[in-house]
Protein backbone atom coordinates (compact mmCIF):
# COMPACT_ATOMS: atom_id res chain seq x y z
CA MET A 1 -21.36 -10.76 31.90
CA GLU A 2 -20.91 -13.32 29.17
CA GLU A 3 -21.79 -12.55 25.57
CA ILE A 4 -21.47 -14.78 22.50
CA ILE A 5 -20.13 -12.96 19.44
CA ASN A 6 -20.24 -14.32 15.87
CA GLU A 7 -18.04 -12.64 13.27
CA LEU A 8 -16.60 -14.06 10.03
CA ASN A 9 -17.40 -17.66 10.96
CA VAL A 10 -15.72 -17.23 14.34
CA THR A 11 -17.52 -17.51 17.67
CA ILE A 12 -16.00 -16.01 20.80
CA LEU A 13 -17.05 -15.46 24.38
CA ALA A 14 -16.54 -11.75 25.03
CA ASN A 15 -15.89 -10.54 28.58
CA GLY A 16 -15.97 -14.11 29.81
CA SER A 17 -13.79 -13.44 32.85
CA GLU A 18 -14.51 -11.12 35.74
CA ALA A 19 -10.83 -10.21 35.85
CA LEU A 20 -11.04 -8.58 32.42
CA GLU A 21 -12.23 -5.20 33.61
CA ASN A 22 -9.85 -3.22 31.45
CA LYS A 23 -11.46 -1.81 28.30
CA SER A 24 -8.48 -2.96 26.26
CA LYS A 25 -9.47 -6.56 26.98
CA THR A 26 -12.97 -6.37 25.51
CA TYR A 27 -14.44 -7.05 22.10
CA ASN A 28 -14.95 -3.90 20.01
CA ALA A 29 -17.70 -4.19 17.40
CA LYS A 30 -16.66 -0.91 15.73
CA MET A 31 -13.47 -2.56 14.47
CA SER A 32 -15.21 -5.31 12.50
CA THR A 33 -14.37 -3.67 9.16
CA ILE A 34 -10.71 -3.35 10.15
CA ARG A 35 -10.54 -7.00 11.17
CA GLU A 36 -12.13 -8.02 7.89
CA ALA A 37 -9.58 -5.93 5.98
CA VAL A 38 -6.75 -7.67 7.86
CA LEU A 39 -8.13 -11.06 6.85
CA CYS A 40 -8.44 -9.95 3.23
CA THR A 41 -4.84 -8.72 3.34
CA LEU A 42 -3.61 -12.12 4.46
CA LEU A 43 -5.66 -13.85 1.76
CA VAL A 44 -4.06 -11.69 -0.92
CA GLU A 45 -0.56 -12.17 0.49
CA SER A 46 -1.06 -15.94 0.65
CA LYS A 47 -1.96 -16.03 -3.04
CA MET A 48 1.08 -13.95 -3.92
CA ARG A 49 3.55 -16.06 -1.94
CA GLY A 50 2.13 -19.53 -2.50
CA LYS A 51 3.55 -20.89 0.75
CA PRO A 52 2.52 -21.03 4.42
CA ILE A 53 2.81 -17.73 6.29
CA SER A 54 3.67 -17.40 9.96
CA CYS A 55 1.20 -14.99 11.58
CA LEU A 56 1.08 -13.36 15.01
CA ASP A 57 -1.75 -11.71 16.87
CA ALA A 58 0.67 -9.91 19.17
CA LEU A 59 -1.87 -8.56 21.67
CA GLY A 60 -4.51 -11.25 21.53
CA GLY A 61 -6.30 -9.95 24.61
CA THR A 62 -7.56 -7.05 22.52
CA GLY A 63 -10.66 -8.71 21.14
CA GLN A 64 -10.29 -12.02 22.96
CA GLY A 65 -8.06 -13.42 20.19
CA ILE A 66 -10.69 -12.94 17.48
CA VAL A 67 -8.20 -11.72 14.85
CA GLY A 68 -5.94 -14.74 15.22
CA LEU A 69 -8.93 -17.07 15.08
CA GLN A 70 -10.22 -15.40 11.91
CA LEU A 71 -6.83 -15.74 10.24
CA LYS A 72 -6.65 -19.43 11.10
CA LYS A 73 -10.23 -20.17 10.07
CA GLY A 74 -9.76 -18.25 6.82
CA LEU A 75 -6.53 -20.05 5.88
CA PRO A 76 -6.40 -23.36 7.78
CA THR A 77 -3.45 -24.79 5.86
CA GLN A 78 -1.65 -21.66 4.66
CA ALA A 79 -1.43 -19.75 7.96
CA LYS A 80 0.58 -20.69 11.05
CA VAL A 81 -1.09 -18.52 13.66
CA VAL A 82 0.18 -17.62 17.12
CA ILE A 83 -1.91 -15.65 19.63
CA SER A 84 -0.07 -14.10 22.55
CA ASP A 85 -0.88 -12.08 25.64
CA ARG A 86 0.92 -11.46 28.90
CA ASP A 87 -2.16 -11.72 31.15
CA SER A 88 -2.84 -15.24 32.42
CA GLU A 89 -6.61 -14.72 32.71
CA THR A 90 -6.75 -13.46 29.15
CA VAL A 91 -4.79 -16.46 27.89
CA GLU A 92 -7.34 -18.81 29.45
CA VAL A 93 -10.18 -16.96 27.73
CA ILE A 94 -8.31 -17.20 24.41
CA ARG A 95 -7.87 -20.95 24.88
CA ALA A 96 -11.59 -21.33 25.56
CA ASN A 97 -12.41 -19.36 22.41
CA CYS A 98 -10.07 -21.58 20.38
CA MET A 99 -11.84 -24.74 21.54
CA ARG A 100 -15.19 -23.09 20.89
CA ASN A 101 -14.15 -22.84 17.22
CA ASP A 102 -12.94 -26.48 17.00
CA LEU A 103 -9.28 -25.48 17.19
CA THR A 104 -6.77 -27.17 19.48
CA PRO A 105 -4.73 -24.58 21.40
CA ASN A 106 -1.12 -25.69 21.81
CA ASP A 107 1.52 -23.93 23.87
CA LEU A 108 4.27 -22.12 22.01
CA LYS A 109 7.42 -22.82 23.98
CA LEU A 110 10.08 -20.15 23.74
CA ASP A 111 13.66 -21.31 23.36
CA PHE A 112 16.36 -18.74 24.04
CA SER A 113 18.93 -20.83 22.17
CA ARG A 114 16.83 -20.85 19.01
CA THR A 115 17.77 -18.53 16.16
CA PRO A 116 14.90 -16.18 15.27
CA GLY A 117 13.64 -16.91 11.78
CA ASP A 118 14.34 -20.62 11.76
CA PRO A 119 11.42 -22.80 10.61
CA GLN A 120 8.86 -23.20 13.35
CA GLU A 121 7.12 -26.40 14.31
CA ASP A 122 4.35 -27.59 12.01
CA GLN A 123 0.78 -26.56 12.66
CA GLY A 124 -2.18 -28.62 11.53
CA PRO A 125 -5.38 -27.23 10.01
CA GLN A 126 -7.18 -27.65 13.35
CA GLU A 127 -4.33 -26.41 15.53
CA ILE A 128 -3.33 -22.98 16.78
CA HIS A 129 -0.56 -21.85 19.10
CA VAL A 130 -1.13 -19.71 22.19
CA CYS A 131 1.76 -18.02 23.98
CA HIS A 132 1.66 -16.56 27.49
CA CYS A 133 4.24 -13.88 26.83
CA SER A 134 4.62 -10.15 26.43
CA ALA A 135 4.43 -8.84 22.87
CA ASP A 136 7.81 -7.10 23.15
CA VAL A 137 9.58 -10.31 24.16
CA LEU A 138 7.87 -12.52 21.58
CA LEU A 139 8.52 -10.10 18.72
CA ARG A 140 12.24 -10.13 19.53
CA MET A 141 12.53 -13.89 20.00
CA GLU A 142 10.60 -15.01 16.91
CA ALA A 143 10.41 -13.73 13.33
CA PHE A 144 6.85 -13.65 12.00
CA GLU A 145 6.00 -12.79 8.41
CA PHE A 146 2.58 -11.31 9.21
CA VAL A 147 2.06 -9.34 12.43
CA TYR A 148 -1.18 -7.81 13.69
CA LEU A 149 -0.57 -5.21 16.39
CA ASN A 150 -3.46 -3.49 18.15
CA PRO A 151 -2.31 -1.87 21.42
CA TYR A 152 -5.70 -0.48 22.37
CA GLY A 153 -5.26 1.79 25.37
CA ASN A 154 -1.50 2.17 24.80
CA TYR A 155 0.63 4.09 22.37
CA LEU A 156 1.56 2.23 19.20
CA CYS A 157 5.07 3.67 19.18
CA ILE A 158 6.20 1.66 22.20
CA TYR A 159 6.02 -1.57 20.16
CA LEU A 160 7.61 -0.35 16.92
CA ASP A 161 11.18 -1.06 17.98
CA SER A 162 10.41 -4.68 18.86
CA LEU A 163 8.31 -5.08 15.72
CA PHE A 164 10.98 -4.09 13.20
CA CYS A 165 13.77 -5.84 15.09
CA ARG A 166 12.84 -9.30 13.76
CA LEU A 167 10.31 -8.62 11.00
CA PRO A 168 11.82 -10.42 7.98
CA ASN A 169 12.27 -9.17 4.47
CA ASN A 170 8.91 -8.69 2.70
CA GLY A 171 7.10 -9.15 6.00
CA ILE A 172 3.80 -7.37 6.57
CA ALA A 173 2.80 -5.39 9.65
CA CYS A 174 -0.82 -4.44 10.32
CA LEU A 175 -0.77 -1.55 12.78
CA VAL A 176 -3.95 -0.41 14.50
CA SER A 177 -4.06 2.83 16.46
CA ALA A 178 -6.78 4.86 18.12
CA ASP A 179 -4.78 8.06 18.55
CA ILE A 180 -6.83 10.34 16.29
CA SER A 181 -9.18 12.26 18.56
CA PRO A 182 -7.71 11.95 22.07
CA LEU A 183 -4.08 12.46 21.11
CA PHE A 184 -3.57 14.36 17.86
CA ALA A 185 -6.46 16.79 18.28
CA ARG A 186 -6.11 17.58 21.97
CA SER A 187 -2.58 16.90 23.14
CA ALA A 188 0.14 18.11 20.81
CA PRO A 189 2.86 17.75 23.51
CA SER A 190 2.02 14.05 23.84
CA VAL A 191 2.48 13.58 20.10
CA LEU A 192 5.85 15.31 20.36
CA ARG A 193 6.95 13.00 23.17
CA GLN A 194 5.68 9.77 21.62
CA TYR A 195 6.19 10.32 17.88
CA GLY A 196 8.63 13.24 17.78
CA ALA A 197 6.39 15.42 15.60
CA HIS A 198 4.75 18.82 15.91
CA VAL A 199 1.03 18.76 15.05
CA MET A 200 -1.99 21.01 15.30
CA LYS A 201 -5.70 20.65 14.65
CA THR A 202 -6.44 20.99 10.92
CA ASP A 203 -9.14 19.97 8.47
CA TYR A 204 -6.94 17.10 7.27
CA MET A 205 -6.00 16.01 10.80
CA LYS A 206 -6.84 12.33 10.30
CA GLU A 207 -4.52 11.85 7.36
CA MET A 208 -1.85 13.94 9.04
CA ALA A 209 -2.03 11.66 12.09
CA ALA A 210 -1.62 8.59 9.88
CA ARG A 211 1.38 10.11 8.13
CA VAL A 212 3.00 10.97 11.48
CA VAL A 213 2.64 7.35 12.63
CA ILE A 214 4.04 6.06 9.32
CA ALA A 215 7.00 8.44 9.60
CA ALA A 216 7.73 7.13 13.10
CA ALA A 217 7.62 3.58 11.74
CA ALA A 218 9.98 4.50 8.89
CA ARG A 219 12.52 6.04 11.26
CA CYS A 220 12.32 3.05 13.59
CA ALA A 221 12.73 0.54 10.75
CA SER A 222 15.76 2.41 9.41
CA ARG A 223 17.64 1.70 12.65
CA TYR A 224 17.62 -1.96 11.63
CA ASN A 225 18.54 -1.20 7.98
CA LYS A 226 14.99 -1.77 6.81
CA GLY A 227 12.60 0.28 4.74
CA ILE A 228 8.82 0.32 4.53
CA GLU A 229 6.21 0.49 1.79
CA VAL A 230 2.66 1.51 2.69
CA LEU A 231 0.18 -0.90 1.13
CA TYR A 232 -2.88 1.01 2.31
CA THR A 233 -4.23 3.12 5.16
CA VAL A 234 -7.76 2.95 6.53
CA CYS A 235 -9.48 5.24 8.99
CA SER A 236 -12.72 3.85 10.40
CA ASN A 237 -14.53 5.15 13.48
CA ASP A 238 -11.42 6.94 14.78
CA TYR A 239 -9.30 3.82 14.33
CA PHE A 240 -6.29 3.56 12.05
CA LEU A 241 -5.27 0.50 10.09
CA ILE A 242 -1.87 0.99 8.52
CA VAL A 243 -0.54 -1.97 6.53
CA LEU A 244 3.19 -1.88 5.81
CA ARG A 245 5.55 -4.10 3.85
CA VAL A 246 9.16 -4.25 5.00
CA GLY A 247 12.18 -4.29 2.73
CA ARG A 248 15.57 -5.24 4.08
CA GLY A 249 18.71 -3.34 3.19
CA GLN A 250 20.32 0.05 3.52
CA LYS A 251 18.94 1.13 0.15
CA HIS A 252 15.35 0.55 1.22
CA ALA A 253 15.99 2.29 4.52
CA ASN A 254 17.43 5.37 2.80
CA ILE A 255 14.53 5.54 0.35
CA SER A 256 12.02 5.42 3.19
CA LEU A 257 13.81 8.12 5.17
CA ASN A 258 13.81 10.39 2.13
CA LYS A 259 10.01 10.22 2.20
CA VAL A 260 9.88 11.76 5.67
CA SER A 261 9.72 15.54 5.60
CA TYR A 262 8.33 18.62 7.30
CA LEU A 263 5.11 20.28 6.17
CA LEU A 264 4.52 24.01 5.77
CA HIS A 265 0.91 24.78 6.74
CA CYS A 266 -0.97 28.06 6.25
CA GLN A 267 -3.18 28.87 9.23
CA MET A 268 -5.41 31.20 7.21
CA CYS A 269 -6.54 29.08 4.25
CA GLU A 270 -5.03 25.67 5.23
CA GLU A 271 -2.94 25.48 2.08
CA ARG A 272 0.07 23.22 2.61
CA GLU A 273 3.25 22.09 0.96
CA PHE A 274 6.08 19.75 1.93
CA TYR A 275 9.53 21.19 2.39
CA PRO A 276 12.02 20.37 -0.39
CA GLU A 277 14.77 17.83 0.18
CA THR A 278 17.64 20.05 1.23
CA HIS A 279 20.01 20.40 4.15
CA THR A 280 20.69 24.08 3.59
CA PRO A 281 18.67 26.92 5.17
CA ILE A 282 15.56 27.80 3.20
CA GLU A 283 15.08 31.46 2.35
CA GLU A 284 11.53 32.78 2.11
CA PRO A 285 9.74 29.48 2.85
CA TYR A 286 6.35 31.10 2.24
CA ARG A 287 7.05 31.07 -1.49
CA PHE A 288 6.39 27.32 -1.49
CA LEU A 289 2.74 27.88 -0.54
CA GLN A 290 0.27 28.39 -3.38
CA CYS A 291 -1.54 31.21 -1.58
CA ASP A 292 -0.96 34.92 -0.91
CA CYS A 293 -2.08 34.95 2.73
CA TYR A 294 1.38 35.94 3.95
CA ALA A 295 1.42 39.01 1.71
CA ASN A 296 -2.13 40.11 2.56
CA THR A 297 -2.13 39.29 6.28
CA PRO A 298 0.24 40.82 8.85
CA GLY A 299 2.23 38.47 11.03
CA LYS A 300 3.43 34.94 10.54
CA THR A 301 0.68 32.87 8.94
CA GLY A 302 2.60 29.64 8.47
CA MET A 303 3.34 26.71 10.77
CA VAL A 304 5.94 23.99 10.36
CA LEU A 305 4.41 20.59 11.16
CA GLY A 306 5.93 17.15 11.27
CA PRO A 307 8.08 15.42 10.36
CA MET A 308 5.60 13.17 8.60
CA TRP A 309 5.38 10.72 5.71
CA LYS A 310 5.14 12.44 2.33
CA GLY A 311 5.05 9.29 0.22
CA GLU A 312 1.98 7.44 -0.96
CA ILE A 313 -0.32 5.78 1.55
CA PHE A 314 -2.20 3.62 -0.98
CA ASN A 315 -0.93 0.86 -3.26
CA GLY A 316 -3.53 0.64 -6.00
CA GLU A 317 -2.32 -2.70 -7.29
CA PHE A 318 -2.61 -4.33 -3.88
CA LEU A 319 -6.03 -2.75 -3.29
CA GLN A 320 -7.27 -4.10 -6.61
CA ARG A 321 -6.19 -7.59 -5.57
CA MET A 322 -8.00 -7.15 -2.27
CA LEU A 323 -11.17 -6.05 -4.03
CA GLU A 324 -11.10 -9.11 -6.29
CA THR A 325 -10.44 -11.37 -3.30
CA SER A 326 -13.30 -9.85 -1.32
CA LYS A 327 -15.66 -10.77 -4.14
CA GLU A 328 -14.31 -14.30 -4.39
CA MET A 329 -14.60 -14.89 -0.64
CA SER A 330 -18.03 -13.20 -0.39
CA LEU A 331 -16.92 -10.71 2.23
CA SER A 332 -19.20 -7.94 3.48
CA GLN A 333 -20.53 -5.22 1.21
CA GLY A 334 -19.17 -2.60 3.58
CA LEU A 335 -15.62 -3.81 2.98
CA LYS A 336 -16.16 -3.90 -0.79
CA ARG A 337 -17.41 -0.31 -0.81
CA LEU A 338 -14.47 0.76 1.33
CA LEU A 339 -11.95 -0.95 -0.95
CA ALA A 340 -13.62 0.59 -4.00
CA LEU A 341 -13.28 4.04 -2.48
CA LEU A 342 -9.67 3.38 -1.50
CA LEU A 343 -8.90 2.22 -5.03
CA GLU A 344 -10.38 5.40 -6.44
CA GLU A 345 -8.55 7.48 -3.86
CA SER A 346 -5.24 5.82 -4.70
CA PHE A 347 -5.40 7.14 -8.31
CA PHE A 348 -3.98 3.81 -9.46
CA VAL A 349 -5.58 4.58 -12.81
CA ASP A 350 -5.30 8.14 -13.99
CA LEU A 351 -8.96 8.35 -14.91
CA HIS A 352 -9.11 11.57 -16.87
CA THR A 353 -5.82 11.20 -18.73
CA GLU A 354 -6.48 7.58 -19.65
CA SER A 355 -10.01 8.25 -20.89
CA LEU A 356 -8.80 11.12 -23.09
CA ARG A 357 -6.05 8.93 -24.53
CA GLN A 358 -8.48 6.09 -25.21
CA ASP A 359 -10.94 8.44 -26.88
CA LYS A 360 -8.21 9.97 -29.03
CA ASP A 361 -6.98 6.54 -30.13
CA LYS A 362 -10.50 5.45 -31.07
CA LYS A 363 -11.06 8.57 -33.16
CA GLY A 364 -7.78 7.96 -34.96
CA SER A 365 -8.50 4.27 -35.61
CA GLY A 366 -12.14 4.84 -36.60
CA GLN A 367 -13.51 2.31 -34.12
CA SER A 368 -16.98 2.65 -32.69
CA CYS A 369 -16.22 1.86 -29.07
CA GLU A 370 -17.22 4.73 -26.80
CA VAL A 371 -15.83 5.70 -23.43
CA SER A 372 -18.51 6.77 -21.01
CA GLU A 373 -17.99 9.56 -18.53
CA PHE A 374 -16.50 8.33 -15.30
CA SER A 375 -18.92 8.13 -12.41
CA SER A 376 -18.13 9.64 -9.06
CA LYS A 377 -19.76 6.82 -7.10
CA PRO A 378 -17.15 4.73 -5.27
CA GLU A 379 -18.59 1.38 -6.37
CA GLU A 380 -18.49 2.51 -10.03
CA SER A 381 -15.28 4.52 -10.09
CA PHE A 382 -12.74 1.71 -10.36
CA LEU A 383 -11.87 -0.65 -13.20
CA LEU A 384 -13.14 -4.20 -12.79
CA ALA A 385 -13.01 -6.97 -15.30
CA SER A 386 -16.48 -8.11 -14.28
CA SER A 387 -18.02 -4.77 -15.21
CA SER A 388 -17.33 -5.21 -18.93
CA SER A 389 -20.50 -7.27 -19.31
CA SER A 390 -22.73 -4.22 -18.90
CA ASN A 391 -22.80 -1.22 -21.22
CA ASN A 392 -23.93 1.06 -18.41
CA HIS A 393 -20.83 0.51 -16.27
CA ASN A 394 -18.33 3.34 -16.46
CA THR A 395 -15.14 1.58 -17.48
CA LEU A 396 -12.27 2.24 -19.81
CA ILE A 397 -12.42 0.23 -23.01
CA ASP A 398 -9.64 -1.42 -24.94
CA ASN A 399 -9.23 -0.41 -28.59
CA ASN A 400 -9.30 -3.94 -29.99
CA ASN A 401 -11.68 -6.09 -27.98
CA CYS A 402 -13.55 -3.54 -25.84
CA LYS A 403 -12.46 -5.21 -22.59
CA SER A 404 -11.87 -3.40 -19.34
CA VAL A 405 -8.27 -2.35 -19.05
CA VAL A 406 -6.11 -1.27 -16.17
CA HIS A 407 -3.45 1.33 -16.75
CA ILE A 408 -0.07 0.11 -15.54
CA PRO A 409 2.49 2.86 -14.88
CA LYS A 410 5.32 3.01 -17.37
CA GLU A 411 7.86 2.42 -14.64
CA ALA A 412 6.12 -0.78 -13.61
CA SER A 413 6.13 -2.25 -17.10
CA GLN A 414 9.90 -2.66 -17.04
CA PHE A 415 9.57 -5.41 -14.46
CA SER A 416 7.41 -7.55 -16.72
CA SER A 417 9.68 -7.30 -19.78
CA ALA A 418 12.16 -9.75 -18.28
CA ASN A 419 9.46 -12.36 -17.79
CA GLU A 420 7.65 -12.15 -21.12
CA GLU A 421 8.99 -15.57 -22.04
CA ARG A 422 9.55 -18.45 -19.69
CA GLN A 423 10.80 -21.96 -20.25
CA SER A 424 8.32 -24.82 -20.07
CA GLU A 425 9.13 -28.23 -18.64
CA SER A 426 10.27 -29.43 -22.06
CA GLY A 427 12.59 -26.45 -22.44
CA GLU A 428 10.58 -24.60 -25.10
CA PRO A 429 9.74 -20.94 -24.56
CA VAL A 430 6.14 -20.25 -23.69
CA THR A 431 4.63 -16.85 -24.28
CA SER A 432 2.58 -15.56 -21.39
CA ASN A 433 -1.13 -15.11 -22.18
CA VAL A 434 -2.25 -13.59 -18.91
CA ASP A 435 -3.66 -10.11 -18.57
CA THR A 436 -1.25 -7.23 -18.40
CA ALA A 437 -2.37 -6.23 -14.91
CA THR A 438 -2.15 -9.77 -13.56
CA HIS A 439 1.18 -10.49 -15.25
CA THR A 440 2.73 -7.26 -14.04
CA SER A 441 1.29 -7.76 -10.57
CA GLN A 442 2.86 -11.19 -10.31
CA SER A 443 6.19 -9.83 -11.49
CA LEU A 444 6.14 -7.27 -8.70
CA ILE A 445 5.76 -9.87 -5.96
CA LEU A 446 8.56 -9.37 -3.51
CA ALA A 447 11.12 -12.13 -3.22
CA SER A 448 11.08 -14.14 -0.03
CA GLY A 449 13.73 -13.70 2.62
CA LYS A 450 16.68 -15.96 3.23
CA ARG A 451 14.90 -17.98 5.88
CA SER A 452 11.81 -19.92 4.91
CA CYS A 453 9.14 -21.75 6.90
CA GLY A 454 8.04 -23.80 3.90
CA LYS A 455 8.79 -24.63 0.28
CA LEU A 456 7.27 -22.90 -2.69
CA GLU A 457 4.77 -24.93 -4.60
CA GLY A 458 5.18 -25.22 -8.37
CA PRO A 459 8.12 -24.02 -10.47
CA GLN A 460 10.69 -21.88 -8.74
CA ALA A 461 10.46 -18.31 -10.02
CA LYS A 462 13.46 -16.08 -10.38
CA ARG A 463 13.87 -13.60 -7.58
CA ILE A 464 12.80 -10.13 -8.66
CA LYS A 465 14.00 -7.01 -6.95
CA TYR A 466 11.31 -4.53 -6.06
CA ASN A 467 12.01 -1.02 -7.30
CA TRP A 468 10.88 1.27 -4.52
CA THR A 469 11.87 4.46 -6.29
CA GLN A 470 9.84 4.17 -9.49
CA LEU A 471 6.46 2.73 -8.61
CA GLY A 472 3.64 5.07 -7.68
CA SER A 473 0.42 6.55 -8.92
CA GLY A 474 1.16 10.14 -7.93
CA ALA A 475 -1.81 10.49 -5.61
CA PRO A 476 -1.91 13.97 -4.03
CA CYS A 477 -1.32 14.27 -0.32
CA PHE A 478 -4.13 15.40 1.96
CA TYR A 479 -7.61 16.60 1.09
CA TYR A 480 -9.87 19.67 1.28
CA ASN A 481 -13.00 19.88 3.41
CA LEU A 482 -15.68 21.47 1.23
CA HIS A 483 -17.79 22.67 4.16
CA ARG A 484 -14.92 24.79 5.44
CA MET A 485 -14.16 26.44 2.11
CA LYS A 486 -14.98 30.15 2.11
CA PHE A 487 -15.24 31.16 -1.54
CA LYS A 488 -16.76 34.57 -2.11
CA ALA A 489 -19.64 35.19 -4.54
CA THR A 490 -19.92 31.53 -5.52
CA GLN A 491 -22.22 28.66 -4.71
CA LEU A 492 -20.26 25.59 -3.78
CA PRO A 493 -21.39 22.54 -5.80
CA LYS A 494 -21.86 19.10 -4.33
CA SER A 495 -18.85 16.88 -3.85
CA ASP A 496 -19.58 14.53 -6.74
CA LYS A 497 -20.12 17.40 -9.16
CA LEU A 498 -16.95 19.17 -8.06
CA VAL A 499 -14.96 15.97 -8.57
CA LEU A 500 -16.25 15.72 -12.15
CA LEU A 501 -15.47 19.39 -12.79
CA LEU A 502 -11.90 18.98 -11.60
CA ARG A 503 -11.41 15.87 -13.72
CA LYS A 504 -12.85 17.67 -16.72
CA HIS A 505 -10.20 20.37 -16.33
CA GLY A 506 -7.39 17.82 -16.16
CA PHE A 507 -6.89 17.58 -12.40
CA LYS A 508 -6.84 14.46 -10.29
CA ALA A 509 -9.83 14.36 -7.98
CA SER A 510 -11.76 11.82 -5.94
CA ARG A 511 -13.74 11.42 -2.76
CA THR A 512 -11.84 10.40 0.35
CA HIS A 513 -12.74 7.93 3.07
CA PHE A 514 -11.07 10.11 5.71
CA ASP A 515 -13.84 12.72 5.54
CA GLN A 516 -17.23 12.37 3.86
CA TYR A 517 -17.34 16.11 3.16
CA ALA A 518 -13.87 16.32 1.59
CA ILE A 519 -12.23 15.62 -1.75
CA ARG A 520 -8.66 14.69 -2.62
CA THR A 521 -7.18 16.62 -5.52
CA ASN A 522 -3.93 18.06 -6.80
CA ALA A 523 -5.62 21.37 -7.58
CA THR A 524 -4.95 24.32 -5.30
CA LEU A 525 -7.63 26.40 -3.61
CA ASN A 526 -7.23 29.21 -6.14
CA GLU A 527 -7.57 26.78 -9.04
CA MET A 528 -10.68 25.24 -7.51
CA TYR A 529 -12.14 28.70 -7.00
CA GLN A 530 -11.65 29.60 -10.67
CA ILE A 531 -13.20 26.31 -11.81
CA ILE A 532 -16.22 26.73 -9.55
CA LYS A 533 -16.62 30.36 -10.57
CA THR A 534 -16.70 29.54 -14.28
CA ALA A 535 -19.01 26.55 -13.81
CA VAL A 536 -21.71 28.37 -11.85
């Protein structure tokens, strides 16, 4: 049965071949938000690099090549897109979809004598390359800077080794997995075989599954002396989207491996804590948990889960760029709301601490600017420059000109100090007049690898090393499901009210996109109980 699908200015013929009976070869409408986020990621990365990016839709049969077509239509001149699949019938359908979108499908000829990473052949704005090849083989023979991998129906881990083998320095990998419900919740032995981690069903299972996959990617990348940085993680309709940036070198690999650890989980109250970084035996491990279940309950109440990723899974700076790009490109409102919630969840701006500091500075300086209480709504709980035009928007206000400000971590500011002055064409120093957030963001752009597929436009900037050890917003790991909390003699408030109460008491708190009934906070269960008890 033939069906015409229109999505993001791309038209495809879904299920156009009778041979495509496998579910992995069909178009999935539930993943539209994920595909839109991938396109927005490439748009942001293209602005940061300022040169053409080689892209690969490694398993193009998943979705009839729609992701590769969207990348090419979104960036006709800045993206060199290759769509590959090992099934001949699927390749013919992909070619037909390319011509349906006024793109000329050209064959990508593989040359075994060619060095991976060398500049590829040019690709015109109306051209796209299609390769009849297995994803494992193509990933090892060519080096792509932007890889989209969606092995629907298969385990993601079987492609990780080929992915990190040739992924260049500062390359981006968009990993999609559907292992939440069928694998992590029902088959713990399968997770142990595929990802080498012990798991169990918990309230924070979705985030735990994402961290297990990221840990497997970090271990795999370290075999090739590469490290990873998580730009963001999205869970939508039981589908993961994990976007990683790769850093080359033993230092990056060691830093990534140090962020992989075991988790101590309490089966009674679901309190959890990561094991400390030590290679010696740990005495009395229950003392790391912030609960007294072990003392009050006979037997062993704890479980050791993992190993899993204990680092951050959101990069607030990158998410802010994505949110601005989504507005410029008029992307869907659903994606904008999701990015707003992710930005709040990343704690890129320490909302409570920053607002108190701003208010204290205003009282000391005698200025009349007021800081409104931060709203718990996702679309209002992030700092946007466009929101400064309205007095009702809940934004932080600068002391001098009452503009919206973005708090840049102290560690990140050291990268911009070296670029405060730059030489103009005449040789005279020119002081930068860009915003602090924009200037610092540009200074954190990763340097390109040794091999290049194109030349940088404009003045050549000095290569800046990315400090993987200092940057971070300190977002707490995991979240608490409010509907499963069993607090005695108290009435549990609504999620938005509880978030405001926790912020008022100095804790980090926000809603989470993983679970609509959960909140992410660095407060323990006992601390939340005391806050709720005093507020009621």
